[in-house]
C-alpha atoms as a PDB file:
ATOM      1  CA  MET A   1     -21.687 -10.864 -40.530  1.00  0.00           C
ATOM      2  CA  SER A   2     -24.481  -8.271 -40.705  1.00  0.00           C
ATOM      3  CA  GLU A   3     -24.481  -4.991 -38.824  1.00  0.00           C
ATOM      4  CA  ASN A   4     -27.312  -6.168 -36.539  1.00  0.00           C
ATOM      5  CA  GLN A   5     -25.576  -9.304 -35.298  1.00  0.00           C
ATOM      6  CA  PRO A   6     -23.119  -9.059 -32.420  1.00  0.00           C
ATOM      7  CA  SER A   7     -19.531  -9.935 -33.124  1.00  0.00           C
ATOM      8  CA  LEU A   8     -18.232 -13.218 -31.775  1.00  0.00           C
ATOM      9  CA  GLN A   9     -14.787 -11.708 -31.340  1.00  0.00           C
ATOM     10  CA  PRO A  10     -13.799 -11.022 -27.732  1.00  0.00           C
ATOM     11  CA  SER A  11     -13.890  -7.365 -26.857  1.00  0.00           C
ATOM     12  CA  THR A  12     -10.666  -5.751 -25.847  1.00  0.00           C
ATOM     13  CA  VAL A  13     -10.482  -5.156 -22.128  1.00  0.00           C
ATOM     14  CA  PRO A  14      -8.284  -2.194 -21.233  1.00  0.00           C
ATOM     15  CA  PRO A  15      -5.537  -2.910 -18.728  1.00  0.00           C
ATOM     16  CA  ASN A  16      -6.247  -2.009 -15.133  1.00  0.00           C
ATOM     17  CA  SER A  17      -5.317   1.647 -14.929  1.00  0.00           C
ATOM     18  CA  VAL A  18      -5.316   1.722 -11.132  1.00  0.00           C
ATOM     19  CA  GLU A  19      -2.528  -0.425  -9.770  1.00  0.00           C
ATOM     20  CA  ILE A  20      -2.294  -0.934  -6.011  1.00  0.00           C
ATOM     21  CA  PRO A  21       1.087   0.312  -4.809  1.00  0.00           C
ATOM     22  CA  SER A  22       3.334  -2.319  -3.231  1.00  0.00           C
ATOM     23  CA  TRP A  23       3.622  -0.241  -0.039  1.00  0.00           C
ATOM     24  CA  LYS A  24      -0.164  -0.386   0.406  1.00  0.00           C
ATOM     25  CA  THR A  25      -0.288  -4.147  -0.047  1.00  0.00           C
ATOM     26  CA  ALA A  26       2.538  -4.601   2.464  1.00  0.00           C
ATOM     27  CA  TYR A  27       0.873  -2.173   4.898  1.00  0.00           C
ATOM     28  CA  GLU A  28      -2.500  -3.929   4.687  1.00  0.00           C
ATOM     29  CA  LYS A  29      -0.896  -7.274   5.529  1.00  0.00           C
ATOM     30  CA  THR A  30       0.163  -5.824   8.887  1.00  0.00           C
ATOM     31  CA  MET A  31      -3.446  -5.030   9.798  1.00  0.00           C
ATOM     32  CA  TRP A  32      -4.481  -8.683   9.897  1.00  0.00           C
ATOM     33  CA  GLU A  33      -1.412 -10.400  11.340  1.00  0.00           C
ATOM     34  CA  LEU A  34      -1.823 -11.722  14.879  1.00  0.00           C
ATOM     35  CA  ASP A  35       1.533 -13.476  15.308  1.00  0.00           C
ATOM     36  CA  LYS A  36       3.901 -10.897  16.838  1.00  0.00           C
ATOM     37  CA  GLU A  37       7.027 -12.329  15.204  1.00  0.00           C
ATOM     38  CA  LYS A  38       5.419 -12.328  11.772  1.00  0.00           C
ATOM     39  CA  LEU A  39       3.955  -8.885  12.455  1.00  0.00           C
ATOM     40  CA  LEU A  40       7.350  -7.331  13.089  1.00  0.00           C
ATOM     41  CA  ALA A  41       8.701  -8.764   9.827  1.00  0.00           C
ATOM     42  CA  LEU A  42       5.655  -7.444   7.951  1.00  0.00           C
ATOM     43  CA  ILE A  43       6.082  -3.999   9.520  1.00  0.00           C
ATOM     44  CA  HIS A  44       9.715  -3.896   8.445  1.00  0.00           C
ATOM     45  CA  ALA A  45       8.708  -4.924   4.918  1.00  0.00           C
ATOM     46  CA  ALA A  46       5.995  -2.243   4.778  1.00  0.00           C
ATOM     47  CA  GLU A  47       8.399   0.408   6.062  1.00  0.00           C
ATOM     48  CA  GLY A  48      10.893  -0.588   3.384  1.00  0.00           C
ATOM     49  CA  GLU A  49       8.245  -0.327   0.669  1.00  0.00           C
ATOM     50  CA  LEU A  50       7.190   3.090   1.990  1.00  0.00           C
ATOM     51  CA  PHE A  51      10.787   4.317   2.003  1.00  0.00           C
ATOM     52  CA  GLU A  52      11.395   3.160  -1.568  1.00  0.00           C
ATOM     53  CA  ARG A  53       8.190   4.762  -2.798  1.00  0.00           C
ATOM     54  CA  TRP A  54       8.967   8.063  -1.036  1.00  0.00           C
ATOM     55  CA  GLN A  55      12.330   8.058  -2.776  1.00  0.00           C
ATOM     56  CA  ALA A  56      10.695   7.380  -6.148  1.00  0.00           C
ATOM     57  CA  LEU A  57       8.022  10.079  -5.745  1.00  0.00           C
ATOM     58  CA  GLY A  58      10.325  12.908  -4.823  1.00  0.00           C
ATOM     59  CA  ASP A  59       8.610  16.281  -4.406  1.00  0.00           C
ATOM     60  CA  SER A  60       6.237  16.056  -7.348  1.00  0.00           C
ATOM     61  CA  PRO A  61       2.925  17.783  -6.537  1.00  0.00           C
ATOM     62  CA  ALA A  62       1.167  15.157  -8.668  1.00  0.00           C
ATOM     63  CA  HIS A  63       1.546  12.656  -5.827  1.00  0.00           C
ATOM     64  CA  THR A  64       0.293  14.735  -2.896  1.00  0.00           C
ATOM     65  CA  ARG A  65      -2.587  12.347  -2.143  1.00  0.00           C
ATOM     66  CA  GLU A  66      -0.399   9.277  -2.194  1.00  0.00           C
ATOM     67  CA  ARG A  67       2.181  10.925   0.085  1.00  0.00           C
ATOM     68  CA  ALA A  68      -0.624  11.825   2.524  1.00  0.00           C
ATOM     69  CA  ALA A  69      -1.836   8.204   2.510  1.00  0.00           C
ATOM     70  CA  MET A  70       1.726   7.017   3.030  1.00  0.00           C
ATOM     71  CA  LYS A  71       2.100   9.351   6.034  1.00  0.00           C
ATOM     72  CA  ILE A  72      -1.045   7.855   7.569  1.00  0.00           C
ATOM     73  CA  ALA A  73       0.281   4.341   6.921  1.00  0.00           C
ATOM     74  CA  ALA A  74       3.631   5.196   8.535  1.00  0.00           C
ATOM     75  CA  ASP A  75       1.826   6.634  11.583  1.00  0.00           C
ATOM     76  CA  ASP A  76      -0.322   3.487  11.804  1.00  0.00           C
ATOM     77  CA  LEU A  77       2.767   1.268  11.650  1.00  0.00           C
ATOM     78  CA  LEU A  78       4.291   3.209  14.539  1.00  0.00           C
ATOM     79  CA  ALA A  79       1.049   2.835  16.512  1.00  0.00           C
ATOM     80  CA  ILE A  80       1.073  -0.927  15.876  1.00  0.00           C
ATOM     81  CA  LYS A  81       4.647  -1.155  17.158  1.00  0.00           C
ATOM     82  CA  ILE A  82       3.692   0.772  20.298  1.00  0.00           C
ATOM     83  CA  HIS A  83       0.308  -0.772  21.086  1.00  0.00           C
ATOM     84  CA  ARG A  84       0.567  -4.312  19.747  1.00  0.00           C
ATOM     85  CA  LEU A  85       4.273  -4.977  20.133  1.00  0.00           C
ATOM     86  CA  GLY A  86       4.867  -2.965  23.313  1.00  0.00           C
ATOM     87  CA  TRP A  87       7.529  -0.640  21.919  1.00  0.00           C
ATOM     88  CA  PRO A  88       8.118   2.619  23.802  1.00  0.00           C
ATOM     89  CA  ASP A  89       6.369   5.679  22.406  1.00  0.00           C
ATOM     90  CA  PRO A  90       9.067   7.970  20.937  1.00  0.00           C
ATOM     91  CA  CYS A  91       6.675  10.926  21.161  1.00  0.00           C
ATOM     92  CA  GLN A  92       6.475  10.880  24.959  1.00  0.00           C
END
């Protein structure tokens, strides 16, 4: 094959370097669920994923952004429990 002709070999595609954390996937599922029984189960699953990830991250400063996003997600899950499921607000 000459230098001017393109190779017929497939190019190597690098693996996806940005993997979506399991807590984020679980959290996002709660945003779209309308069935209250399914919603509660999804919230519990998301909270479990958040807890496990917090344990895995520890105090490393390299994960400050992710911990901030996780805090927002946890606050949103509490708001969903209060406003969509009718739970009492623990902050009042």
